Amino acid sequence: MLPEAQIVRLRRRREFLAAARGLKAGARAFTLQAVRRSGETAAAEIGIGITVTRKIGGAVVRNRARRRLREALRRVAPERGQPGHDYVVVARPPALTQPFEELVRDLGGSFGGIGRRLTKAD
């Protein structure tokens, strides 16, 4: 059995910019970006970040979108994320209205699709 990868939160601007230059997978409610992680402990970690711009709405609306995406990631990332990679979810307006189970399903599908492409690229 493989040891479980530790999920870490992306905090630095350069981590988000690096993911933006990586692979992308789009869905109705978000765009998923992924890139290989760098650093000494990188192979055992999955980096996760969420971006919600002001185009989505005011602070209350952005926070609601962020909470929904964070919970969906909590359910999907440990199973579908590949250790040694960073993932950034960029919210789109439907992230607020899409049924939650559909959001989770789309996120899982995006992780699967981008994971196959990451495996080919590595």
PDB file of N, CA and C in Angstrom:
ATOM      1  N   MET A   1       0.834  -1.180   0.000  1.00  0.00           N
ATOM      2  CA  MET A   1       0.000   0.000   0.000  1.00  0.00           C
ATOM      3  C   MET A   1       0.882   1.248   0.000  1.00  0.00           C
ATOM      4  N   LEU A   2       0.522   2.225  -0.815  1.00  0.00           N
ATOM      5  CA  LEU A   2       1.291   3.451  -0.910  1.00  0.00           C
ATOM      6  C   LEU A   2       1.032   4.355   0.287  1.00  0.00           C
ATOM      7  N   PRO A   3       2.083   5.043   0.772  1.00  0.00           N
ATOM      8  CA  PRO A   3       1.828   5.992   1.849  1.00  0.00           C
ATOM      9  C   PRO A   3       0.982   7.153   1.321  1.00  0.00           C
ATOM     10  N   GLU A   4       0.126   7.679   2.170  1.00  0.00           N
ATOM     11  CA  GLU A   4      -0.764   8.760   1.749  1.00  0.00           C
ATOM     12  C   GLU A   4       0.018  10.059   1.602  1.00  0.00           C
ATOM     13  N   ALA A   5      -0.216  10.743   0.503  1.00  0.00           N
ATOM     14  CA  ALA A   5       0.460  12.011   0.250  1.00  0.00           C
ATOM     15  C   ALA A   5      -0.126  13.095   1.141  1.00  0.00           C
ATOM     16  N   GLN A   6       0.726  13.986   1.562  1.00  0.00           N
ATOM     17  CA  GLN A   6       0.286  15.106   2.382  1.00  0.00           C
ATOM     18  C   GLN A   6      -0.204  16.226   1.465  1.00  0.00           C
ATOM     19  N   ILE A   7      -1.347  16.791   1.785  1.00  0.00           N
ATOM     20  CA  ILE A   7      -1.881  17.902   1.002  1.00  0.00           C
ATOM     21  C   ILE A   7      -1.439  19.199   1.664  1.00  0.00           C
ATOM     22  N   VAL A   8      -0.817  20.057   0.858  1.00  0.00           N
ATOM     23  CA  VAL A   8      -0.344  21.347   1.358  1.00  0.00           C
ATOM     24  C   VAL A   8      -1.023  22.467   0.583  1.00  0.00           C
ATOM     25  N   ARG A   9      -1.154  23.591   1.220  1.00  0.00           N
ATOM     26  CA  ARG A   9      -1.813  24.737   0.608  1.00  0.00           C
ATOM     27  C   ARG A   9      -0.784  25.603  -0.107  1.00  0.00           C
ATOM     28  N   LEU A  10      -1.082  25.982  -1.338  1.00  0.00           N
ATOM     29  CA  LEU A  10      -0.212  26.892  -2.064  1.00  0.00           C
ATOM     30  C   LEU A  10      -0.423  28.291  -1.493  1.00  0.00           C
ATOM     31  N   ARG A  11       0.671  28.998  -1.233  1.00  0.00           N
ATOM     32  CA  ARG A  11       0.582  30.311  -0.605  1.00  0.00           C
ATOM     33  C   ARG A  11       1.296  31.400  -1.391  1.00  0.00           C
ATOM     34  N   ARG A  12       2.306  31.034  -2.133  1.00  0.00           N
ATOM     35  CA  ARG A  12       3.128  32.047  -2.795  1.00  0.00           C
ATOM     36  C   ARG A  12       2.673  32.297  -4.227  1.00  0.00           C
ATOM     37  N   ARG A  13       2.792  33.525  -4.646  1.00  0.00           N
ATOM     38  CA  ARG A  13       2.415  33.922  -6.000  1.00  0.00           C
ATOM     39  C   ARG A  13       3.134  33.103  -7.055  1.00  0.00           C
ATOM     40  N   ARG A  14       4.407  32.823  -6.838  1.00  0.00           N
ATOM     41  CA  ARG A  14       5.165  32.064  -7.840  1.00  0.00           C
ATOM     42  C   ARG A  14       4.628  30.639  -8.016  1.00  0.00           C
ATOM     43  N   GLU A  15       4.051  30.057  -6.972  1.00  0.00           N
ATOM     44  CA  GLU A  15       3.451  28.730  -7.089  1.00  0.00           C
ATOM     45  C   GLU A  15       2.213  28.778  -7.982  1.00  0.00           C
ATOM     46  N   PHE A  16       1.411  29.826  -7.815  1.00  0.00           N
ATOM     47  CA  PHE A  16       0.219  29.988  -8.652  1.00  0.00           C
ATOM     48  C   PHE A  16       0.609  30.282 -10.099  1.00  0.00           C
ATOM     49  N   LEU A  17       1.626  31.113 -10.300  1.00  0.00           N
ATOM     50  CA  LEU A  17       2.082  31.439 -11.657  1.00  0.00           C
ATOM     51  C   LEU A  17       2.664  30.214 -12.357  1.00  0.00           C
ATOM     52  N   ALA A  18       3.383  29.382 -11.612  1.00  0.00           N
ATOM     53  CA  ALA A  18       3.941  28.157 -12.198  1.00  0.00           C
ATOM     54  C   ALA A  18       2.824  27.234 -12.664  1.00  0.00           C
ATOM     55  N   ALA A  19       1.774  27.093 -11.849  1.00  0.00           N
ATOM     56  CA  ALA A  19       0.647  26.236 -12.227  1.00  0.00           C
ATOM     57  C   ALA A  19      -0.058  26.789 -13.460  1.00  0.00           C
ATOM     58  N   ALA A  20      -0.115  28.106 -13.581  1.00  0.00           N
ATOM     59  CA  ALA A  20      -0.766  28.721 -14.735  1.00  0.00           C
ATOM     60  C   ALA A  20      -0.023  28.407 -16.028  1.00  0.00           C
ATOM     61  N   ARG A  21       1.270  28.137 -15.947  1.00  0.00           N
ATOM     62  CA  ARG A  21       2.053  27.781 -17.134  1.00  0.00           C
ATOM     63  C   ARG A  21       2.006  26.282 -17.423  1.00  0.00           C
ATOM     64  N   GLY A  22       1.381  25.511 -16.540  1.00  0.00           N
ATOM     65  CA  GLY A  22       1.315  24.067 -16.706  1.00  0.00           C
ATOM     66  C   GLY A  22       0.123  23.624 -17.544  1.00  0.00           C
ATOM     67  N   LEU A  23      -0.290  22.393 -17.317  1.00  0.00           N
ATOM     68  CA  LEU A  23      -1.430  21.831 -18.045  1.00  0.00           C
ATOM     69  C   LEU A  23      -2.741  22.367 -17.493  1.00  0.00           C
ATOM     70  N   LYS A  24      -3.752  22.423 -18.359  1.00  0.00           N
ATOM     71  CA  LYS A  24      -5.061  22.951 -17.959  1.00  0.00           C
ATOM     72  C   LYS A  24      -6.169  22.000 -18.393  1.00  0.00           C
ATOM     73  N   ALA A  25      -7.204  21.938 -17.570  1.00  0.00           N
ATOM     74  CA  ALA A  25      -8.409  21.183 -17.903  1.00  0.00           C
ATOM     75  C   ALA A  25      -9.592  22.051 -17.502  1.00  0.00           C
ATOM     76  N   GLY A  26     -10.486  22.296 -18.435  1.00  0.00           N
ATOM     77  CA  GLY A  26     -11.618  23.169 -18.165  1.00  0.00           C
ATOM     78  C   GLY A  26     -12.881  22.404 -17.861  1.00  0.00           C
ATOM     79  N   ALA A  27     -13.717  23.007 -17.062  1.00  0.00           N
ATOM     80  CA  ALA A  27     -15.054  22.504 -16.781  1.00  0.00           C
ATOM     81  C   ALA A  27     -15.968  23.729 -16.734  1.00  0.00           C
ATOM     82  N   ARG A  28     -17.251  23.495 -16.587  1.00  0.00           N
ATOM     83  CA  ARG A  28     -18.194  24.605 -16.605  1.00  0.00           C
ATOM     84  C   ARG A  28     -17.958  25.569 -15.444  1.00  0.00           C
ATOM     85  N   ALA A  29     -17.658  25.050 -14.252  1.00  0.00           N
ATOM     86  CA  ALA A  29     -17.567  25.876 -13.058  1.00  0.00           C
ATOM     87  C   ALA A  29     -16.144  26.275 -12.673  1.00  0.00           C
ATOM     88  N   PHE A  30     -15.135  25.743 -13.354  1.00  0.00           N
ATOM     89  CA  PHE A  30     -13.755  26.028 -12.961  1.00  0.00           C
ATOM     90  C   PHE A  30     -12.784  25.621 -14.066  1.00  0.00           C
ATOM     91  N   THR A  31     -11.549  26.059 -13.909  1.00  0.00           N
ATOM     92  CA  THR A  31     -10.428  25.582 -14.717  1.00  0.00           C
ATOM     93  C   THR A  31      -9.435  24.977 -13.737  1.00  0.00           C
ATOM     94  N   LEU A  32      -8.944  23.790 -14.034  1.00  0.00           N
ATOM     95  CA  LEU A  32      -7.950  23.143 -13.195  1.00  0.00           C
ATOM     96  C   LEU A  32      -6.595  23.269 -13.878  1.00  0.00           C
ATOM     97  N   GLN A  33      -5.606  23.775 -13.153  1.00  0.00           N
ATOM     98  CA  GLN A  33      -4.245  23.923 -13.667  1.00  0.00           C
ATOM     99  C   GLN A  33      -3.339  23.004 -12.850  1.00  0.00           C
ATOM    100  N   ALA A  34      -2.337  22.417 -13.504  1.00  0.00           N
ATOM    101  CA  ALA A  34      -1.448  21.496 -12.791  1.00  0.00           C
ATOM    102  C   ALA A  34      -0.030  21.605 -13.320  1.00  0.00           C
ATOM    103  N   VAL A  35       0.917  21.405 -12.409  1.00  0.00           N
ATOM    104  CA  VAL A  35       2.334  21.444 -12.767  1.00  0.00           C
ATOM    105  C   VAL A  35       3.107  20.590 -11.762  1.00  0.00           C
ATOM    106  N   ARG A  36       4.269  20.078 -12.181  1.00  0.00           N
ATOM    107  CA  ARG A  36       5.120  19.301 -11.276  1.00  0.00           C
ATOM    108  C   ARG A  36       5.630  20.209 -10.158  1.00  0.00           C
ATOM    109  N   ARG A  37       5.638  19.686  -8.963  1.00  0.00           N
ATOM    110  CA  ARG A  37       6.051  20.426  -7.767  1.00  0.00           C
ATOM    111  C   ARG A  37       7.570  20.407  -7.633  1.00  0.00           C
ATOM    112  N   SER A  38       8.152  21.501  -7.130  1.00  0.00           N
ATOM    113  CA  SER A  38       9.600  21.545  -6.920  1.00  0.00           C
ATOM    114  C   SER A  38       9.901  21.659  -5.429  1.00  0.00           C
ATOM    115  N   GLY A  39      11.081  21.231  -5.035  1.00  0.00           N
ATOM    116  CA  GLY A  39      11.493  21.286  -3.632  1.00  0.00           C
ATOM    117  C   GLY A  39      11.905  19.919  -3.124  1.00  0.00           C
ATOM    118  N   GLU A  40      12.460  19.909  -1.896  1.00  0.00           N
ATOM    119  CA  GLU A  40      12.982  18.646  -1.327  1.00  0.00           C
ATOM    120  C   GLU A  40      11.873  17.657  -0.981  1.00  0.00           C
ATOM    121  N   THR A  41      10.781  18.138  -0.417  1.00  0.00           N
ATOM    122  CA  THR A  41       9.699  17.253   0.015  1.00  0.00           C
ATOM    123  C   THR A  41       8.607  17.133  -1.044  1.00  0.00           C
ATOM    124  N   ALA A  42       8.893  17.598  -2.255  1.00  0.00           N
ATOM    125  CA  ALA A  42       7.866  17.694  -3.297  1.00  0.00           C
ATOM    126  C   ALA A  42       7.236  16.354  -3.656  1.00  0.00           C
ATOM    127  N   ALA A  43       8.006  15.285  -3.663  1.00  0.00           N
ATOM    128  CA  ALA A  43       7.487  13.999  -4.129  1.00  0.00           C
ATOM    129  C   ALA A  43       6.389  13.449  -3.221  1.00  0.00           C
ATOM    130  N   ALA A  44       6.349  13.871  -1.961  1.00  0.00           N
ATOM    131  CA  ALA A  44       5.366  13.339  -1.017  1.00  0.00           C
ATOM    132  C   ALA A  44       4.195  14.280  -0.781  1.00  0.00           C
ATOM    133  N   GLU A  45       4.132  15.382  -1.531  1.00  0.00           N
ATOM    134  CA  GLU A  45       3.101  16.373  -1.284  1.00  0.00           C
ATOM    135  C   GLU A  45       2.250  16.644  -2.519  1.00  0.00           C
ATOM    136  N   ILE A  46       0.996  17.010  -2.270  1.00  0.00           N
ATOM    137  CA  ILE A  46       0.086  17.499  -3.313  1.00  0.00           C
ATOM    138  C   ILE A  46      -0.233  18.937  -2.938  1.00  0.00           C
ATOM    139  N   GLY A  47       0.154  19.873  -3.803  1.00  0.00           N
ATOM    140  CA  GLY A  47      -0.118  21.280  -3.538  1.00  0.00           C
ATOM    141  C   GLY A  47      -1.473  21.670  -4.111  1.00  0.00           C
ATOM    142  N   ILE A  48      -2.275  22.382  -3.320  1.00  0.00           N
ATOM    143  CA  ILE A  48      -3.619  22.783  -3.740  1.00  0.00           C
ATOM    144  C   ILE A  48      -3.787  24.286  -3.527  1.00  0.00           C
ATOM    145  N   GLY A  49      -4.324  24.960  -4.545  1.00  0.00           N
ATOM    146  CA  GLY A  49      -4.631  26.379  -4.433  1.00  0.00           C
ATOM    147  C   GLY A  49      -5.961  26.679  -5.108  1.00  0.00           C
ATOM    148  N   ILE A  50      -6.620  27.739  -4.654  1.00  0.00           N
ATOM    149  CA  ILE A  50      -7.901  28.162  -5.227  1.00  0.00           C
ATOM    150  C   ILE A  50      -7.799  29.644  -5.548  1.00  0.00           C
ATOM    151  N   THR A  51      -8.254  30.006  -6.733  1.00  0.00           N
ATOM    152  CA  THR A  51      -8.297  31.412  -7.137  1.00  0.00           C
ATOM    153  C   THR A  51      -9.727  31.771  -7.503  1.00  0.00           C
ATOM    154  N   VAL A  52     -10.234  32.840  -6.877  1.00  0.00           N
ATOM    155  CA  VAL A  52     -11.568  33.349  -7.182  1.00  0.00           C
ATOM    156  C   VAL A  52     -11.420  34.843  -7.416  1.00  0.00           C
ATOM    157  N   THR A  53     -11.611  35.282  -8.659  1.00  0.00           N
ATOM    158  CA  THR A  53     -11.390  36.683  -8.987  1.00  0.00           C
ATOM    159  C   THR A  53     -12.625  37.535  -8.704  1.00  0.00           C
ATOM    160  N   ARG A  54     -12.461  38.845  -8.792  1.00  0.00           N
ATOM    161  CA  ARG A  54     -13.567  39.764  -8.545  1.00  0.00           C
ATOM    162  C   ARG A  54     -14.637  39.712  -9.623  1.00  0.00           C
ATOM    163  N   LYS A  55     -14.317  39.083 -10.755  1.00  0.00           N
ATOM    164  CA  LYS A  55     -15.329  38.905 -11.798  1.00  0.00           C
ATOM    165  C   LYS A  55     -16.501  38.071 -11.284  1.00  0.00           C
ATOM    166  N   ILE A  56     -16.231  37.219 -10.315  1.00  0.00           N
ATOM    167  CA  ILE A  56     -17.250  36.333  -9.754  1.00  0.00           C
ATOM    168  C   ILE A  56     -18.267  37.132  -8.945  1.00  0.00           C
ATOM    169  N   GLY A  57     -17.805  38.148  -8.219  1.00  0.00           N
ATOM    170  CA  GLY A  57     -18.708  38.961  -7.411  1.00  0.00           C
ATOM    171  C   GLY A  57     -17.976  39.603  -6.255  1.00  0.00           C
ATOM    172  N   GLY A  58     -18.739  40.097  -5.311  1.00  0.00           N
ATOM    173  CA  GLY A  58     -18.172  40.737  -4.124  1.00  0.00           C
ATOM    174  C   GLY A  58     -17.553  39.716  -3.184  1.00  0.00           C
ATOM    175  N   ALA A  59     -17.068  40.208  -2.052  1.00  0.00           N
ATOM    176  CA  ALA A  59     -16.346  39.358  -1.105  1.00  0.00           C
ATOM    177  C   ALA A  59     -17.192  38.188  -0.600  1.00  0.00           C
ATOM    178  N   VAL A  60     -18.446  38.436  -0.286  1.00  0.00           N
ATOM    179  CA  VAL A  60     -19.309  37.381   0.233  1.00  0.00           C
ATOM    180  C   VAL A  60     -19.506  36.285  -0.806  1.00  0.00           C
ATOM    181  N   VAL A  61     -19.729  36.684  -2.040  1.00  0.00           N
ATOM    182  CA  VAL A  61     -19.938  35.728  -3.135  1.00  0.00           C
ATOM    183  C   VAL A  61     -18.657  34.950  -3.407  1.00  0.00           C
ATOM    184  N   ARG A  62     -17.521  35.648  -3.432  1.00  0.00           N
ATOM    185  CA  ARG A  62     -16.233  34.969  -3.667  1.00  0.00           C
ATOM    186  C   ARG A  62     -15.939  33.963  -2.568  1.00  0.00           C
ATOM    187  N   ASN A  63     -16.229  34.323  -1.326  1.00  0.00           N
ATOM    188  CA  ASN A  63     -15.985  33.401  -0.220  1.00  0.00           C
ATOM    189  C   ASN A  63     -16.876  32.171  -0.308  1.00  0.00           C
ATOM    190  N   ARG A  64     -18.119  32.345  -0.753  1.00  0.00           N
ATOM    191  CA  ARG A  64     -19.013  31.195  -0.917  1.00  0.00           C
ATOM    192  C   ARG A  64     -18.483  30.258  -1.994  1.00  0.00           C
ATOM    193  N   ALA A  65     -18.026  30.817  -3.116  1.00  0.00           N
ATOM    194  CA  ALA A  65     -17.445  30.002  -4.191  1.00  0.00           C
ATOM    195  C   ALA A  65     -16.197  29.281  -3.682  1.00  0.00           C
ATOM    196  N   ARG A  66     -15.376  29.970  -2.917  1.00  0.00           N
ATOM    197  CA  ARG A  66     -14.151  29.374  -2.376  1.00  0.00           C
ATOM    198  C   ARG A  66     -14.478  28.225  -1.422  1.00  0.00           C
ATOM    199  N   ARG A  67     -15.488  28.414  -0.573  1.00  0.00           N
ATOM    200  CA  ARG A  67     -15.885  27.345   0.358  1.00  0.00           C
ATOM    201  C   ARG A  67     -16.381  26.112  -0.378  1.00  0.00           C
ATOM    202  N   ARG A  68     -17.188  26.316  -1.425  1.00  0.00           N
ATOM    203  CA  ARG A  68     -17.716  25.183  -2.201  1.00  0.00           C
ATOM    204  C   ARG A  68     -16.570  24.439  -2.879  1.00  0.00           C
ATOM    205  N   LEU A  69     -15.648  25.171  -3.491  1.00  0.00           N
ATOM    206  CA  LEU A  69     -14.527  24.524  -4.171  1.00  0.00           C
ATOM    207  C   LEU A  69     -13.590  23.828  -3.181  1.00  0.00           C
ATOM    208  N   ARG A  70     -13.364  24.446  -2.033  1.00  0.00           N
ATOM    209  CA  ARG A  70     -12.492  23.840  -1.025  1.00  0.00           C
ATOM    210  C   ARG A  70     -13.055  22.503  -0.551  1.00  0.00           C
ATOM    211  N   GLU A  71     -14.376  22.438  -0.323  1.00  0.00           N
ATOM    212  CA  GLU A  71     -14.991  21.181   0.115  1.00  0.00           C
ATOM    213  C   GLU A  71     -14.939  20.134  -0.998  1.00  0.00           C
ATOM    214  N   ALA A  72     -15.176  20.548  -2.233  1.00  0.00           N
ATOM    215  CA  ALA A  72     -15.080  19.606  -3.354  1.00  0.00           C
ATOM    216  C   ALA A  72     -13.649  19.070  -3.470  1.00  0.00           C
ATOM    217  N   LEU A  73     -12.668  19.939  -3.319  1.00  0.00           N
ATOM    218  CA  LEU A  73     -11.266  19.502  -3.361  1.00  0.00           C
ATOM    219  C   LEU A  73     -10.945  18.561  -2.207  1.00  0.00           C
ATOM    220  N   ARG A  74     -11.489  18.838  -1.040  1.00  0.00           N
ATOM    221  CA  ARG A  74     -11.250  17.970   0.116  1.00  0.00           C
ATOM    222  C   ARG A  74     -11.718  16.548  -0.163  1.00  0.00           C
ATOM    223  N   ARG A  75     -12.790  16.422  -0.931  1.00  0.00           N
ATOM    224  CA  ARG A  75     -13.322  15.099  -1.272  1.00  0.00           C
ATOM    225  C   ARG A  75     -12.559  14.428  -2.399  1.00  0.00           C
ATOM    226  N   VAL A  76     -12.036  15.193  -3.340  1.00  0.00           N
ATOM    227  CA  VAL A  76     -11.467  14.626  -4.566  1.00  0.00           C
ATOM    228  C   VAL A  76      -9.944  14.526  -4.541  1.00  0.00           C
ATOM    229  N   ALA A  77      -9.260  15.547  -4.071  1.00  0.00           N
ATOM    230  CA  ALA A  77      -7.798  15.634  -4.201  1.00  0.00           C
ATOM    231  C   ALA A  77      -7.026  14.465  -3.576  1.00  0.00           C
ATOM    232  N   PRO A  78      -7.380  13.983  -2.372  1.00  0.00           N
ATOM    233  CA  PRO A  78      -6.585  12.878  -1.807  1.00  0.00           C
ATOM    234  C   PRO A  78      -6.599  11.620  -2.679  1.00  0.00           C
ATOM    235  N   GLU A  79      -7.723  11.366  -3.362  1.00  0.00           N
ATOM    236  CA  GLU A  79      -7.828  10.163  -4.189  1.00  0.00           C
ATOM    237  C   GLU A  79      -7.283  10.372  -5.597  1.00  0.00           C
ATOM    238  N   ARG A  80      -7.553  11.536  -6.195  1.00  0.00           N
ATOM    239  CA  ARG A  80      -7.256  11.746  -7.605  1.00  0.00           C
ATOM    240  C   ARG A  80      -5.981  12.553  -7.859  1.00  0.00           C
ATOM    241  N   GLY A  81      -5.519  13.315  -6.877  1.00  0.00           N
ATOM    242  CA  GLY A  81      -4.311  14.116  -7.058  1.00  0.00           C
ATOM    243  C   GLY A  81      -3.065  13.247  -7.055  1.00  0.00           C
ATOM    244  N   GLN A  82      -2.086  13.627  -7.860  1.00  0.00           N
ATOM    245  CA  GLN A  82      -0.838  12.877  -7.922  1.00  0.00           C
ATOM    246  C   GLN A  82       0.213  13.545  -7.039  1.00  0.00           C
ATOM    247  N   PRO A  83       0.822  12.796  -6.114  1.00  0.00           N
ATOM    248  CA  PRO A  83       1.881  13.373  -5.299  1.00  0.00           C
ATOM    249  C   PRO A  83       2.987  13.932  -6.202  1.00  0.00           C
ATOM    250  N   GLY A  84       3.573  15.034  -5.759  1.00  0.00           N
ATOM    251  CA  GLY A  84       4.630  15.655  -6.530  1.00  0.00           C
ATOM    252  C   GLY A  84       4.123  16.678  -7.530  1.00  0.00           C
ATOM    253  N   HIS A  85       2.846  17.063  -7.428  1.00  0.00           N
ATOM    254  CA  HIS A  85       2.259  18.038  -8.351  1.00  0.00           C
ATOM    255  C   HIS A  85       1.480  19.099  -7.588  1.00  0.00           C
ATOM    256  N   ASP A  86       1.401  20.290  -8.181  1.00  0.00           N
ATOM    257  CA  ASP A  86       0.581  21.373  -7.666  1.00  0.00           C
ATOM    258  C   ASP A  86      -0.653  21.509  -8.537  1.00  0.00           C
ATOM    259  N   TYR A  87      -1.787  21.781  -7.913  1.00  0.00           N
ATOM    260  CA  TYR A  87      -3.051  21.986  -8.621  1.00  0.00           C
ATOM    261  C   TYR A  87      -3.661  23.305  -8.174  1.00  0.00           C
ATOM    262  N   VAL A  88      -4.122  24.095  -9.133  1.00  0.00           N
ATOM    263  CA  VAL A  88      -4.818  25.343  -8.831  1.00  0.00           C
ATOM    264  C   VAL A  88      -6.182  25.289  -9.511  1.00  0.00           C
ATOM    265  N   VAL A  89      -7.229  25.595  -8.751  1.00  0.00           N
ATOM    266  CA  VAL A  89      -8.582  25.658  -9.283  1.00  0.00           C
ATOM    267  C   VAL A  89      -8.949  27.134  -9.422  1.00  0.00           C
ATOM    268  N   VAL A  90      -9.281  27.545 -10.643  1.00  0.00           N
ATOM    269  CA  VAL A  90      -9.704  28.916 -10.915  1.00  0.00           C
ATOM    270  C   VAL A  90     -11.220  28.890 -11.106  1.00  0.00           C
ATOM    271  N   ALA A  91     -11.923  29.587 -10.221  1.00  0.00           N
ATOM    272  CA  ALA A  91     -13.389  29.553 -10.228  1.00  0.00           C
ATOM    273  C   ALA A  91     -13.968  30.339 -11.396  1.00  0.00           C
ATOM    274  N   ARG A  92     -15.106  29.856 -11.872  1.00  0.00           N
ATOM    275  CA  ARG A  92     -15.932  30.550 -12.852  1.00  0.00           C
ATOM    276  C   ARG A  92     -17.294  30.775 -12.201  1.00  0.00           C
ATOM    277  N   PRO A  93     -18.108  31.693 -12.721  1.00  0.00           N
ATOM    278  CA  PRO A  93     -19.407  31.987 -12.082  1.00  0.00           C
ATOM    279  C   PRO A  93     -20.299  30.774 -11.804  1.00  0.00           C
ATOM    280  N   PRO A  94     -20.358  29.743 -12.662  1.00  0.00           N
ATOM    281  CA  PRO A  94     -21.228  28.606 -12.328  1.00  0.00           C
ATOM    282  C   PRO A  94     -20.806  27.837 -11.067  1.00  0.00           C
ATOM    283  N   ALA A  95     -19.631  28.121 -10.514  1.00  0.00           N
ATOM    284  CA  ALA A  95     -19.216  27.459  -9.270  1.00  0.00           C
ATOM    285  C   ALA A  95     -20.191  27.757  -8.133  1.00  0.00           C
ATOM    286  N   LEU A  96     -20.930  28.837  -8.265  1.00  0.00           N
ATOM    287  CA  LEU A  96     -21.900  29.221  -7.233  1.00  0.00           C
ATOM    288  C   LEU A  96     -23.235  28.510  -7.380  1.00  0.00           C
ATOM    289  N   THR A  97     -23.608  28.175  -8.594  1.00  0.00           N
ATOM    290  CA  THR A  97     -24.959  27.654  -8.837  1.00  0.00           C
ATOM    291  C   THR A  97     -24.999  26.186  -9.232  1.00  0.00           C
ATOM    292  N   GLN A  98     -23.893  25.639  -9.671  1.00  0.00           N
ATOM    293  CA  GLN A  98     -23.872  24.238 -10.094  1.00  0.00           C
ATOM    294  C   GLN A  98     -24.156  23.345  -8.884  1.00  0.00           C
ATOM    295  N   PRO A  99     -25.012  22.327  -9.028  1.00  0.00           N
ATOM    296  CA  PRO A  99     -25.253  21.406  -7.908  1.00  0.00           C
ATOM    297  C   PRO A  99     -23.935  20.824  -7.399  1.00  0.00           C
ATOM    298  N   PHE A 100     -23.836  20.708  -6.070  1.00  0.00           N
ATOM    299  CA  PHE A 100     -22.560  20.346  -5.463  1.00  0.00           C
ATOM    300  C   PHE A 100     -22.040  18.992  -5.934  1.00  0.00           C
ATOM    301  N   GLU A 101     -22.898  17.997  -6.002  1.00  0.00           N
ATOM    302  CA  GLU A 101     -22.446  16.672  -6.436  1.00  0.00           C
ATOM    303  C   GLU A 101     -21.923  16.712  -7.869  1.00  0.00           C
ATOM    304  N   GLU A 102     -22.525  17.536  -8.704  1.00  0.00           N
ATOM    305  CA  GLU A 102     -22.048  17.702 -10.077  1.00  0.00           C
ATOM    306  C   GLU A 102     -20.679  18.393 -10.079  1.00  0.00           C
ATOM    307  N   LEU A 103     -20.490  19.347  -9.196  1.00  0.00           N
ATOM    308  CA  LEU A 103     -19.205  20.039  -9.056  1.00  0.00           C
ATOM    309  C   LEU A 103     -18.115  19.042  -8.658  1.00  0.00           C
ATOM    310  N   VAL A 104     -18.419  18.187  -7.697  1.00  0.00           N
ATOM    311  CA  VAL A 104     -17.458  17.170  -7.254  1.00  0.00           C
ATOM    312  C   VAL A 104     -17.146  16.204  -8.397  1.00  0.00           C
ATOM    313  N   ARG A 105     -18.170  15.788  -9.127  1.00  0.00           N
ATOM    314  CA  ARG A 105     -17.975  14.861 -10.253  1.00  0.00           C
ATOM    315  C   ARG A 105     -17.107  15.502 -11.337  1.00  0.00           C
ATOM    316  N   ASP A 106     -17.385  16.765 -11.681  1.00  0.00           N
ATOM    317  CA  ASP A 106     -16.578  17.464 -12.686  1.00  0.00           C
ATOM    318  C   ASP A 106     -15.135  17.616 -12.235  1.00  0.00           C
ATOM    319  N   LEU A 107     -14.945  17.909 -10.956  1.00  0.00           N
ATOM    320  CA  LEU A 107     -13.589  18.060 -10.433  1.00  0.00           C
ATOM    321  C   LEU A 107     -12.829  16.739 -10.494  1.00  0.00           C
ATOM    322  N   GLY A 108     -13.504  15.648 -10.147  1.00  0.00           N
ATOM    323  CA  GLY A 108     -12.878  14.331 -10.245  1.00  0.00           C
ATOM    324  C   GLY A 108     -12.506  13.982 -11.677  1.00  0.00           C
ATOM    325  N   GLY A 109     -13.391  14.296 -12.616  1.00  0.00           N
ATOM    326  CA  GLY A 109     -13.094  14.046 -14.021  1.00  0.00           C
ATOM    327  C   GLY A 109     -11.934  14.879 -14.524  1.00  0.00           C
ATOM    328  N   SER A 110     -11.857  16.126 -14.089  1.00  0.00           N
ATOM    329  CA  SER A 110     -10.746  16.992 -14.502  1.00  0.00           C
ATOM    330  C   SER A 110      -9.427  16.496 -13.926  1.00  0.00           C
ATOM    331  N   PHE A 111      -9.447  16.054 -12.659  1.00  0.00           N
ATOM    332  CA  PHE A 111      -8.232  15.495 -12.062  1.00  0.00           C
ATOM    333  C   PHE A 111      -7.780  14.253 -12.830  1.00  0.00           C
ATOM    334  N   GLY A 112      -8.744  13.406 -13.215  1.00  0.00           N
ATOM    335  CA  GLY A 112      -8.400  12.202 -13.978  1.00  0.00           C
ATOM    336  C   GLY A 112      -7.815  12.529 -15.330  1.00  0.00           C
ATOM    337  N   GLY A 113      -8.438  13.454 -16.047  1.00  0.00           N
ATOM    338  CA  GLY A 113      -7.966  13.824 -17.377  1.00  0.00           C
ATOM    339  C   GLY A 113      -6.601  14.484 -17.352  1.00  0.00           C
ATOM    340  N   ILE A 114      -6.405  15.392 -16.419  1.00  0.00           N
ATOM    341  CA  ILE A 114      -5.119  16.072 -16.331  1.00  0.00           C
ATOM    342  C   ILE A 114      -4.045  15.127 -15.791  1.00  0.00           C
ATOM    343  N   GLY A 115      -4.464  14.171 -14.947  1.00  0.00           N
ATOM    344  CA  GLY A 115      -3.512  13.195 -14.409  1.00  0.00           C
ATOM    345  C   GLY A 115      -2.925  12.312 -15.498  1.00  0.00           C
ATOM    346  N   ARG A 116      -3.761  11.918 -16.458  1.00  0.00           N
ATOM    347  CA  ARG A 116      -3.244  11.103 -17.571  1.00  0.00           C
ATOM    348  C   ARG A 116      -2.234  11.899 -18.387  1.00  0.00           C
ATOM    349  N   ARG A 117      -2.520  13.184 -18.610  1.00  0.00           N
ATOM    350  CA  ARG A 117      -1.600  14.020 -19.382  1.00  0.00           C
ATOM    351  C   ARG A 117      -0.319  14.309 -18.599  1.00  0.00           C
ATOM    352  N   LEU A 118      -0.404  14.425 -17.269  1.00  0.00           N
ATOM    353  CA  LEU A 118       0.791  14.638 -16.457  1.00  0.00           C
ATOM    354  C   LEU A 118       1.690  13.408 -16.512  1.00  0.00           C
ATOM    355  N   THR A 119       1.082  12.231 -16.495  1.00  0.00           N
ATOM    356  CA  THR A 119       1.852  10.988 -16.564  1.00  0.00           C
ATOM    357  C   THR A 119       2.610  10.896 -17.873  1.00  0.00           C
ATOM    358  N   LYS A 120       1.962  11.290 -18.987  1.00  0.00           N
ATOM    359  CA  LYS A 120       2.635  11.289 -20.286  1.00  0.00           C
ATOM    360  C   LYS A 120       3.757  12.303 -20.337  1.00  0.00           C
ATOM    361  N   ALA A 121       3.543  13.480 -19.719  1.00  0.00           N
ATOM    362  CA  ALA A 121       4.526  14.549 -19.760  1.00  0.00           C
ATOM    363  C   ALA A 121       5.752  14.234 -18.898  1.00  0.00           C
ATOM    364  N   ASP A 122       5.560  13.427 -17.835  1.00  0.00           N
ATOM    365  CA  ASP A 122       6.682  13.110 -16.934  1.00  0.00           C
ATOM    366  C   ASP A 122       7.531  12.035 -17.507  1.00  0.00           C
TER     367      ASP A 122
END
